[in-house]
Structures are given as C-alpha cells and as structure tokens.
Amino acid sequence: MLRTIWAAFVVVVVTIPVASAVTNVATFRSHAPFIDRLIRLWEWSIVKAAGIDLRVEGAERIDPRQRYVLVANHSSYFDIPCVFVGISQQPIRFMAKKSLFSIPIFGWSISRAGFIPIDRKNRRTAVKSFELAVERIRKGNTVVVFPEEGRSRERTMREFQRGGYLLALRSQLPILPVAIVGTYDVFRAGAKKITPGPVTIRVGTPIPTEGLTVRAKDQLLEESRAQISTMLFGRS
C-alpha cells in the first residue's frame, strides 16, 4: 500500500509542473521535440514510482526514421507510460478517452500536445477523431492504438476492433505490433494497490500497408493479433 501512496504522490507532484510546461510549449508548436522529452520524463517518473523494472525486446525492429500505427494489448493504466518509456525512438501520441481531456492541467496539456480524444459512443465525434489521428500522423507522429478498446480484466486479450487498422490503411503506414507483458500483475483493472515488478515491451515485426485497400483490414487485424498473442503467450 505504501508503494501505491508513493506512486500517487509522484503522479501529482510531477504532473503539475510537467503538464504546465507541455501546455506552454505546445501553445507555440504542438510537435516540438522538447515536448516529447517532457512527456517521457513525466512517464519515466510514473514507471519508477510504481517500482516497474522495464525492459524492451526487439527494439532493433523499429526504424527511427519511420512512423507507425502501433497496436498493443491493454490490461493496465501503466501500459501507456511503459510504451512511452520503452519505445523511445518514436514521437508518440495516443488516442485517449474524451473524459481525460476535461481534467484540469493534465487534460489541457495532452490536448495541446496533440493527443487525440475519442468518444466511441458518438459516431460523429469518432469520425472526427479518426481524421485528427490522420493529421497527427502527417505531422510526423506514431499513433498508438489499443484495438481491444479498453483494459482487459483477464490475462487473455479481448476482441480486437478494426479502427486502428483502418487508420493504418488510410495513412499507408506500417503497423507495429507490440506486446506489453507484466503490467497486468503490477496494476490490473480493478486492483486497489500497485505490486512492483518486471514489465517487458516486446516489439513484433512491422506489417506493411502500402498499396493495400480497406479490404485488407481483417487480414491486418488477424496478423497483428497473432504476433501479439505469440509474444504474450507463446501461441497465436
């Protein structure tokens, strides 16, 4: 419980100054490299406060000059900071729940920094979010999508949705499958306390989308899901 209290304290103490700095810098340039450094400092502080021993496997598969639509499994609030810290070669932006953007200071900062609000219950705003994600990619960002569209409450993955694959096809960027191993044990959905431990980010083989049409979306979904499942469980 002391670890949980400490992590919560660090989140508050670090979030206020870093989020304020991000907001100020992003007012002038939302994709400035300094913003990425600030965000990584923010997320690194959260990872360390939680007692996470973070490791990365397969980082050599990432081309730092290439941008991706990164798809990953999702079982914990710590998935996001671990991806930020682990995939350090990429300027990353997330698609996040619209409600997060209403949080004072934090919400203002992620909005200014180019994160993408999504309201899955409202089709009109969801389409707008999709177009915004395409715009972020064109500005040189890698966009992270959790195709389960919510945290899994079990170790198994939930059904994947197609939105992220349509985004990859629209942008013609490769899909980067990533497996996040260990965050379920650190702080799974419904948990009351943080349990420090190892987390591994496993990077799969990028899947090209150039020249493909929307008809390929199911094939891309199945191929990326199979990679993630193999990296998580040793089977597809």
C-alpha atoms as a PDB file:
ATOM      1  CA  MET A   1       0.000   0.000   0.000  1.00  0.00           C
ATOM      2  CA  LEU A   2       2.931   2.352   0.705  1.00  0.00           C
ATOM      3  CA  ARG A   3       4.065   1.895  -2.910  1.00  0.00           C
ATOM      4  CA  THR A   4       0.607   2.906  -4.134  1.00  0.00           C
ATOM      5  CA  ILE A   5       0.602   6.025  -1.963  1.00  0.00           C
ATOM      6  CA  TRP A   6       4.110   6.939  -3.125  1.00  0.00           C
ATOM      7  CA  ALA A   7       3.199   6.446  -6.804  1.00  0.00           C
ATOM      8  CA  ALA A   8       0.084   8.604  -6.393  1.00  0.00           C
ATOM      9  CA  PHE A   9       2.171  11.307  -4.704  1.00  0.00           C
ATOM     10  CA  VAL A  10       4.734  11.279  -7.531  1.00  0.00           C
ATOM     11  CA  VAL A  11       1.992  11.444 -10.171  1.00  0.00           C
ATOM     12  CA  VAL A  12       0.563  14.581  -8.584  1.00  0.00           C
ATOM     13  CA  VAL A  13       3.898  16.261  -7.877  1.00  0.00           C
ATOM     14  CA  VAL A  14       5.342  15.577 -11.331  1.00  0.00           C
ATOM     15  CA  THR A  15       2.160  16.086 -13.352  1.00  0.00           C
ATOM     16  CA  ILE A  16       1.517  19.687 -12.324  1.00  0.00           C
ATOM     17  CA  PRO A  17       4.862  21.237 -13.406  1.00  0.00           C
ATOM     18  CA  VAL A  18       5.441  18.952 -16.415  1.00  0.00           C
ATOM     19  CA  ALA A  19       1.882  19.278 -17.731  1.00  0.00           C
ATOM     20  CA  SER A  20       2.087  23.048 -17.307  1.00  0.00           C
ATOM     21  CA  ALA A  21       5.378  23.129 -19.231  1.00  0.00           C
ATOM     22  CA  VAL A  22       3.924  20.951 -22.007  1.00  0.00           C
ATOM     23  CA  THR A  23       0.915  23.260 -22.284  1.00  0.00           C
ATOM     24  CA  ASN A  24       3.114  26.354 -22.564  1.00  0.00           C
ATOM     25  CA  VAL A  25       5.488  24.878 -25.151  1.00  0.00           C
ATOM     26  CA  ALA A  26       2.680  23.298 -27.187  1.00  0.00           C
ATOM     27  CA  THR A  27       0.902  26.644 -27.401  1.00  0.00           C
ATOM     28  CA  PHE A  28       3.553  27.651 -29.924  1.00  0.00           C
ATOM     29  CA  ARG A  29       4.388  24.286 -31.504  1.00  0.00           C
ATOM     30  CA  SER A  30       2.453  21.107 -30.706  1.00  0.00           C
ATOM     31  CA  HIS A  31       5.041  18.775 -32.272  1.00  0.00           C
ATOM     32  CA  ALA A  32       8.220  20.333 -30.879  1.00  0.00           C
ATOM     33  CA  PRO A  33      10.821  17.655 -29.933  1.00  0.00           C
ATOM     34  CA  PHE A  34      11.098  19.217 -26.467  1.00  0.00           C
ATOM     35  CA  ILE A  35       7.502  18.166 -25.801  1.00  0.00           C
ATOM     36  CA  ASP A  36       8.434  14.530 -26.383  1.00  0.00           C
ATOM     37  CA  ARG A  37      11.291  14.828 -23.887  1.00  0.00           C
ATOM     38  CA  LEU A  38       8.980  16.379 -21.302  1.00  0.00           C
ATOM     39  CA  ILE A  39       6.360  13.659 -21.780  1.00  0.00           C
ATOM     40  CA  ARG A  40       8.972  10.913 -21.439  1.00  0.00           C
ATOM     41  CA  LEU A  41      10.280  12.488 -18.231  1.00  0.00           C
ATOM     42  CA  TRP A  42       6.707  12.539 -16.957  1.00  0.00           C
ATOM     43  CA  GLU A  43       6.066   8.888 -17.853  1.00  0.00           C
ATOM     44  CA  TRP A  44       9.511   7.723 -16.663  1.00  0.00           C
ATOM     45  CA  SER A  45       8.764   9.215 -13.233  1.00  0.00           C
ATOM     46  CA  ILE A  46       5.493   7.249 -13.077  1.00  0.00           C
ATOM     47  CA  VAL A  47       7.187   3.986 -14.129  1.00  0.00           C
ATOM     48  CA  LYS A  48       9.907   4.398 -11.498  1.00  0.00           C
ATOM     49  CA  ALA A  49       7.486   5.406  -8.758  1.00  0.00           C
ATOM     50  CA  ALA A  50       5.477   2.239  -9.383  1.00  0.00           C
ATOM     51  CA  GLY A  51       8.599   0.099  -8.931  1.00  0.00           C
ATOM     52  CA  ILE A  52       8.468  -1.203 -12.512  1.00  0.00           C
ATOM     53  CA  ASP A  53      11.630  -2.819 -13.868  1.00  0.00           C
ATOM     54  CA  LEU A  54      11.104  -2.057 -17.562  1.00  0.00           C
ATOM     55  CA  ARG A  55      12.815  -3.989 -20.330  1.00  0.00           C
ATOM     56  CA  VAL A  56      12.452  -3.884 -24.118  1.00  0.00           C
ATOM     57  CA  GLU A  57      12.899  -6.759 -26.557  1.00  0.00           C
ATOM     58  CA  GLY A  58      13.010  -6.353 -30.333  1.00  0.00           C
ATOM     59  CA  ALA A  59      13.734  -2.602 -30.383  1.00  0.00           C
ATOM     60  CA  GLU A  60      16.055  -3.188 -33.349  1.00  0.00           C
ATOM     61  CA  ARG A  61      12.940  -3.793 -35.480  1.00  0.00           C
ATOM     62  CA  ILE A  62      11.952  -0.128 -35.127  1.00  0.00           C
ATOM     63  CA  ASP A  63      13.243   2.244 -37.786  1.00  0.00           C
ATOM     64  CA  PRO A  64      13.661   5.643 -36.052  1.00  0.00           C
ATOM     65  CA  ARG A  65      13.055   7.393 -39.393  1.00  0.00           C
ATOM     66  CA  GLN A  66       9.765   5.564 -39.991  1.00  0.00           C
ATOM     67  CA  ARG A  67       6.416   6.322 -38.366  1.00  0.00           C
ATOM     68  CA  TYR A  68       3.899   3.625 -37.445  1.00  0.00           C
ATOM     69  CA  VAL A  69       0.434   2.832 -36.241  1.00  0.00           C
ATOM     70  CA  LEU A  70       1.408   0.950 -33.086  1.00  0.00           C
ATOM     71  CA  VAL A  71      -1.109  -1.641 -31.867  1.00  0.00           C
ATOM     72  CA  ALA A  72      -0.773  -3.267 -28.449  1.00  0.00           C
ATOM     73  CA  ASN A  73      -2.647  -5.285 -25.863  1.00  0.00           C
ATOM     74  CA  HIS A  74      -4.121  -3.337 -22.948  1.00  0.00           C
ATOM     75  CA  SER A  75      -4.585  -4.547 -19.367  1.00  0.00           C
ATOM     76  CA  SER A  76      -3.395  -1.703 -17.097  1.00  0.00           C
ATOM     77  CA  TYR A  77      -3.181   2.049 -16.671  1.00  0.00           C
ATOM     78  CA  PHE A  78       0.605   1.532 -16.694  1.00  0.00           C
ATOM     79  CA  ASP A  79       0.587   0.356 -20.323  1.00  0.00           C
ATOM     80  CA  ILE A  80       0.736   3.946 -21.556  1.00  0.00           C
ATOM     81  CA  PRO A  81       3.771   5.136 -19.531  1.00  0.00           C
ATOM     82  CA  CYS A  82       5.590   1.878 -20.283  1.00  0.00           C
ATOM     83  CA  VAL A  83       5.088   2.294 -24.036  1.00  0.00           C
ATOM     84  CA  PHE A  84       6.261   5.914 -23.866  1.00  0.00           C
ATOM     85  CA  VAL A  85       9.426   4.998 -21.996  1.00  0.00           C
ATOM     86  CA  GLY A  86      10.114   1.756 -23.858  1.00  0.00           C
ATOM     87  CA  ILE A  87       9.529   2.977 -27.427  1.00  0.00           C
ATOM     88  CA  SER A  88      11.831   5.953 -27.092  1.00  0.00           C
ATOM     89  CA  GLN A  89      12.761   6.081 -30.805  1.00  0.00           C
ATOM     90  CA  GLN A  90       9.352   7.443 -31.788  1.00  0.00           C
ATOM     91  CA  PRO A  91       7.402  10.695 -31.194  1.00  0.00           C
ATOM     92  CA  ILE A  92       4.296   9.027 -29.813  1.00  0.00           C
ATOM     93  CA  ARG A  93       0.721  10.238 -29.499  1.00  0.00           C
ATOM     94  CA  PHE A  94      -2.200   8.257 -28.108  1.00  0.00           C
ATOM     95  CA  MET A  95      -5.885   8.078 -28.820  1.00  0.00           C
ATOM     96  CA  ALA A  96      -7.424   8.596 -25.356  1.00  0.00           C
ATOM     97  CA  LYS A  97     -10.871   8.719 -23.784  1.00  0.00           C
ATOM     98  CA  LYS A  98     -12.528  12.096 -24.245  1.00  0.00           C
ATOM     99  CA  SER A  99     -13.172  12.410 -20.495  1.00  0.00           C
ATOM    100  CA  LEU A 100      -9.412  12.642 -19.788  1.00  0.00           C
ATOM    101  CA  PHE A 101      -9.233  15.911 -21.712  1.00  0.00           C
ATOM    102  CA  SER A 102     -11.546  17.568 -19.170  1.00  0.00           C
ATOM    103  CA  ILE A 103      -9.119  17.073 -16.261  1.00  0.00           C
ATOM    104  CA  PRO A 104      -7.579  20.451 -15.306  1.00  0.00           C
ATOM    105  CA  ILE A 105      -3.909  20.887 -16.246  1.00  0.00           C
ATOM    106  CA  PHE A 106      -3.485  17.253 -17.363  1.00  0.00           C
ATOM    107  CA  GLY A 107      -6.272  17.400 -19.936  1.00  0.00           C
ATOM    108  CA  TRP A 108      -5.167  20.789 -21.218  1.00  0.00           C
ATOM    109  CA  SER A 109      -1.605  19.550 -21.697  1.00  0.00           C
ATOM    110  CA  ILE A 110      -2.444  16.378 -23.639  1.00  0.00           C
ATOM    111  CA  SER A 111      -4.828  18.361 -25.829  1.00  0.00           C
ATOM    112  CA  ARG A 112      -2.184  20.978 -26.671  1.00  0.00           C
ATOM    113  CA  ALA A 113       0.459  18.283 -27.199  1.00  0.00           C
ATOM    114  CA  GLY A 114      -1.575  16.639 -29.941  1.00  0.00           C
ATOM    115  CA  PHE A 115      -3.156  13.651 -28.220  1.00  0.00           C
ATOM    116  CA  ILE A 116      -6.407  12.534 -29.795  1.00  0.00           C
ATOM    117  CA  PRO A 117      -9.721  12.500 -27.877  1.00  0.00           C
ATOM    118  CA  ILE A 118     -12.120   9.731 -28.788  1.00  0.00           C
ATOM    119  CA  ASP A 119     -15.733   9.189 -27.795  1.00  0.00           C
ATOM    120  CA  ARG A 120     -16.676   5.727 -29.022  1.00  0.00           C
ATOM    121  CA  LYS A 121     -20.339   6.253 -28.129  1.00  0.00           C
ATOM    122  CA  ASN A 122     -20.683   9.154 -30.548  1.00  0.00           C
ATOM    123  CA  ARG A 123     -20.124   8.161 -34.171  1.00  0.00           C
ATOM    124  CA  ARG A 124     -19.811  11.770 -35.377  1.00  0.00           C
ATOM    125  CA  THR A 125     -17.034  12.642 -32.927  1.00  0.00           C
ATOM    126  CA  ALA A 126     -15.386   9.256 -33.518  1.00  0.00           C
ATOM    127  CA  VAL A 127     -15.074  10.079 -37.221  1.00  0.00           C
ATOM    128  CA  LYS A 128     -13.616  13.467 -36.288  1.00  0.00           C
ATOM    129  CA  SER A 129     -11.076  11.746 -34.023  1.00  0.00           C
ATOM    130  CA  PHE A 130     -10.124   9.442 -36.877  1.00  0.00           C
ATOM    131  CA  GLU A 131      -9.385  12.406 -39.142  1.00  0.00           C
ATOM    132  CA  LEU A 132      -7.433  14.079 -36.334  1.00  0.00           C
ATOM    133  CA  ALA A 133      -5.316  10.942 -35.955  1.00  0.00           C
ATOM    134  CA  VAL A 134      -4.518  11.023 -39.679  1.00  0.00           C
ATOM    135  CA  GLU A 135      -3.459  14.668 -39.269  1.00  0.00           C
ATOM    136  CA  ARG A 136      -1.173  13.781 -36.336  1.00  0.00           C
ATOM    137  CA  ILE A 137       0.475  11.075 -38.431  1.00  0.00           C
ATOM    138  CA  ARG A 138       1.062  13.529 -41.256  1.00  0.00           C
ATOM    139  CA  LYS A 139       2.821  15.809 -38.767  1.00  0.00           C
ATOM    140  CA  GLY A 140       5.305  13.016 -38.096  1.00  0.00           C
ATOM    141  CA  ASN A 141       3.892  11.170 -35.084  1.00  0.00           C
ATOM    142  CA  THR A 142       3.490   7.478 -34.386  1.00  0.00           C
ATOM    143  CA  VAL A 143      -0.065   6.918 -33.151  1.00  0.00           C
ATOM    144  CA  VAL A 144      -0.728   4.219 -30.543  1.00  0.00           C
ATOM    145  CA  VAL A 145      -3.990   2.294 -30.671  1.00  0.00           C
ATOM    146  CA  PHE A 146      -5.292  -0.303 -28.223  1.00  0.00           C
ATOM    147  CA  PRO A 147      -7.568  -2.352 -30.510  1.00  0.00           C
ATOM    148  CA  GLU A 148      -9.272  -4.006 -27.523  1.00  0.00           C
ATOM    149  CA  GLU A 149     -10.770  -0.534 -26.850  1.00  0.00           C
ATOM    150  CA  GLY A 150     -10.452  -0.873 -23.100  1.00  0.00           C
ATOM    151  CA  ARG A 151      -8.460  -2.737 -20.471  1.00  0.00           C
ATOM    152  CA  SER A 152      -8.828  -6.494 -20.396  1.00  0.00           C
ATOM    153  CA  ARG A 153      -9.875  -7.768 -16.976  1.00  0.00           C
ATOM    154  CA  GLU A 154      -8.260 -11.144 -17.654  1.00  0.00           C
ATOM    155  CA  ARG A 155      -4.856 -12.216 -18.929  1.00  0.00           C
ATOM    156  CA  THR A 156      -6.412 -13.131 -22.255  1.00  0.00           C
ATOM    157  CA  MET A 157      -6.973 -10.432 -24.866  1.00  0.00           C
ATOM    158  CA  ARG A 158     -10.400  -9.090 -25.704  1.00  0.00           C
ATOM    159  CA  GLU A 159     -11.717  -8.995 -29.246  1.00  0.00           C
ATOM    160  CA  PHE A 160      -9.837  -6.547 -31.489  1.00  0.00           C
ATOM    161  CA  GLN A 161     -11.736  -3.736 -33.198  1.00  0.00           C
ATOM    162  CA  ARG A 162     -10.938  -2.511 -36.705  1.00  0.00           C
ATOM    163  CA  GLY A 163     -10.498   1.252 -36.183  1.00  0.00           C
ATOM    164  CA  GLY A 164      -6.722   1.199 -35.838  1.00  0.00           C
ATOM    165  CA  TYR A 165      -6.340  -0.876 -38.983  1.00  0.00           C
ATOM    166  CA  LEU A 166      -8.481   1.495 -40.996  1.00  0.00           C
ATOM    167  CA  LEU A 167      -6.224   4.286 -39.705  1.00  0.00           C
ATOM    168  CA  ALA A 168      -3.129   2.406 -40.875  1.00  0.00           C
ATOM    169  CA  LEU A 169      -4.672   1.821 -44.291  1.00  0.00           C
ATOM    170  CA  ARG A 170      -5.749   5.441 -44.613  1.00  0.00           C
ATOM    171  CA  SER A 171      -2.269   6.702 -43.705  1.00  0.00           C
ATOM    172  CA  GLN A 172      -0.476   3.877 -45.557  1.00  0.00           C
ATOM    173  CA  LEU A 173       1.882   3.482 -42.603  1.00  0.00           C
ATOM    174  CA  PRO A 174       3.144   0.105 -41.371  1.00  0.00           C
ATOM    175  CA  ILE A 175       1.505  -1.478 -38.345  1.00  0.00           C
ATOM    176  CA  LEU A 176       3.855  -2.141 -35.423  1.00  0.00           C
ATOM    177  CA  PRO A 177       2.581  -4.971 -33.161  1.00  0.00           C
ATOM    178  CA  VAL A 178       3.691  -4.614 -29.546  1.00  0.00           C
ATOM    179  CA  ALA A 179       3.075  -6.918 -26.592  1.00  0.00           C
ATOM    180  CA  ILE A 180       3.091  -5.435 -23.082  1.00  0.00           C
ATOM    181  CA  VAL A 181       3.956  -8.176 -20.605  1.00  0.00           C
ATOM    182  CA  GLY A 182       3.681  -7.717 -16.845  1.00  0.00           C
ATOM    183  CA  THR A 183       1.506  -4.653 -16.314  1.00  0.00           C
ATOM    184  CA  TYR A 184      -1.444  -6.927 -15.506  1.00  0.00           C
ATOM    185  CA  ASP A 185       0.465  -8.118 -12.435  1.00  0.00           C
ATOM    186  CA  VAL A 186       1.567  -4.598 -11.485  1.00  0.00           C
ATOM    187  CA  PHE A 187      -1.872  -2.991 -11.558  1.00  0.00           C
ATOM    188  CA  ARG A 188      -4.649  -4.799 -13.387  1.00  0.00           C
ATOM    189  CA  ALA A 189      -8.139  -3.418 -13.958  1.00  0.00           C
ATOM    190  CA  GLY A 190      -9.989  -3.307 -10.631  1.00  0.00           C
ATOM    191  CA  ALA A 191      -6.841  -3.551  -8.495  1.00  0.00           C
ATOM    192  CA  LYS A 192      -6.623  -1.458  -5.313  1.00  0.00           C
ATOM    193  CA  LYS A 193      -2.855  -1.393  -4.928  1.00  0.00           C
ATOM    194  CA  ILE A 194       0.295  -1.430  -7.055  1.00  0.00           C
ATOM    195  CA  THR A 195       2.531  -4.507  -6.979  1.00  0.00           C
ATOM    196  CA  PRO A 196       6.069  -3.610  -8.153  1.00  0.00           C
ATOM    197  CA  GLY A 197       7.581  -5.999 -10.671  1.00  0.00           C
ATOM    198  CA  PRO A 198       9.107  -6.525 -14.119  1.00  0.00           C
ATOM    199  CA  VAL A 199       7.429  -5.336 -17.312  1.00  0.00           C
ATOM    200  CA  THR A 200       8.654  -6.245 -20.779  1.00  0.00           C
ATOM    201  CA  ILE A 201       7.801  -4.437 -24.010  1.00  0.00           C
ATOM    202  CA  ARG A 202       8.133  -6.910 -26.892  1.00  0.00           C
ATOM    203  CA  VAL A 203       8.270  -5.427 -30.385  1.00  0.00           C
ATOM    204  CA  GLY A 204       6.986  -7.518 -33.261  1.00  0.00           C
ATOM    205  CA  THR A 205       7.671  -7.426 -36.975  1.00  0.00           C
ATOM    206  CA  PRO A 206       6.231  -4.344 -38.735  1.00  0.00           C
ATOM    207  CA  ILE A 207       3.393  -5.145 -41.152  1.00  0.00           C
ATOM    208  CA  PRO A 208       3.381  -3.052 -44.349  1.00  0.00           C
ATOM    209  CA  THR A 209       0.142  -1.463 -45.561  1.00  0.00           C
ATOM    210  CA  GLU A 210       1.393   0.468 -48.581  1.00  0.00           C
ATOM    211  CA  GLY A 211      -0.771  -0.243 -51.624  1.00  0.00           C
ATOM    212  CA  LEU A 212      -3.402  -2.130 -49.622  1.00  0.00           C
ATOM    213  CA  THR A 213      -7.083  -1.207 -49.613  1.00  0.00           C
ATOM    214  CA  VAL A 214      -9.737  -1.297 -46.909  1.00  0.00           C
ATOM    215  CA  ARG A 215     -10.453  -4.912 -47.859  1.00  0.00           C
ATOM    216  CA  ALA A 216      -7.207  -5.885 -46.108  1.00  0.00           C
ATOM    217  CA  LYS A 217      -8.334  -4.670 -42.674  1.00  0.00           C
ATOM    218  CA  ASP A 218      -9.333  -8.100 -41.336  1.00  0.00           C
ATOM    219  CA  GLN A 219      -6.137  -9.705 -42.604  1.00  0.00           C
ATOM    220  CA  LEU A 220      -4.053  -6.996 -40.900  1.00  0.00           C
ATOM    221  CA  LEU A 221      -6.040  -7.422 -37.682  1.00  0.00           C
ATOM    222  CA  GLU A 222      -5.504 -11.165 -37.599  1.00  0.00           C
ATOM    223  CA  GLU A 223      -1.811 -10.943 -38.473  1.00  0.00           C
ATOM    224  CA  SER A 224      -1.054  -8.350 -35.772  1.00  0.00           C
ATOM    225  CA  ARG A 225      -3.180 -10.140 -33.167  1.00  0.00           C
ATOM    226  CA  ALA A 226      -1.343 -13.393 -33.894  1.00  0.00           C
ATOM    227  CA  GLN A 227       2.017 -11.682 -33.390  1.00  0.00           C
ATOM    228  CA  ILE A 228       0.928 -10.070 -30.113  1.00  0.00           C
ATOM    229  CA  SER A 229      -0.569 -13.340 -28.847  1.00  0.00           C
ATOM    230  CA  THR A 230       2.635 -15.228 -29.635  1.00  0.00           C
ATOM    231  CA  MET A 231       4.736 -12.604 -27.833  1.00  0.00           C
ATOM    232  CA  LEU A 232       2.404 -12.740 -24.826  1.00  0.00           C
ATOM    233  CA  PHE A 233       1.593 -16.417 -24.517  1.00  0.00           C
ATOM    234  CA  GLY A 234       3.895 -18.252 -26.912  1.00  0.00           C
ATOM    235  CA  ARG A 235       0.979 -19.078 -29.214  1.00  0.00           C
ATOM    236  CA  SER A 236      -1.303 -17.306 -31.694  1.00  0.00           C
END
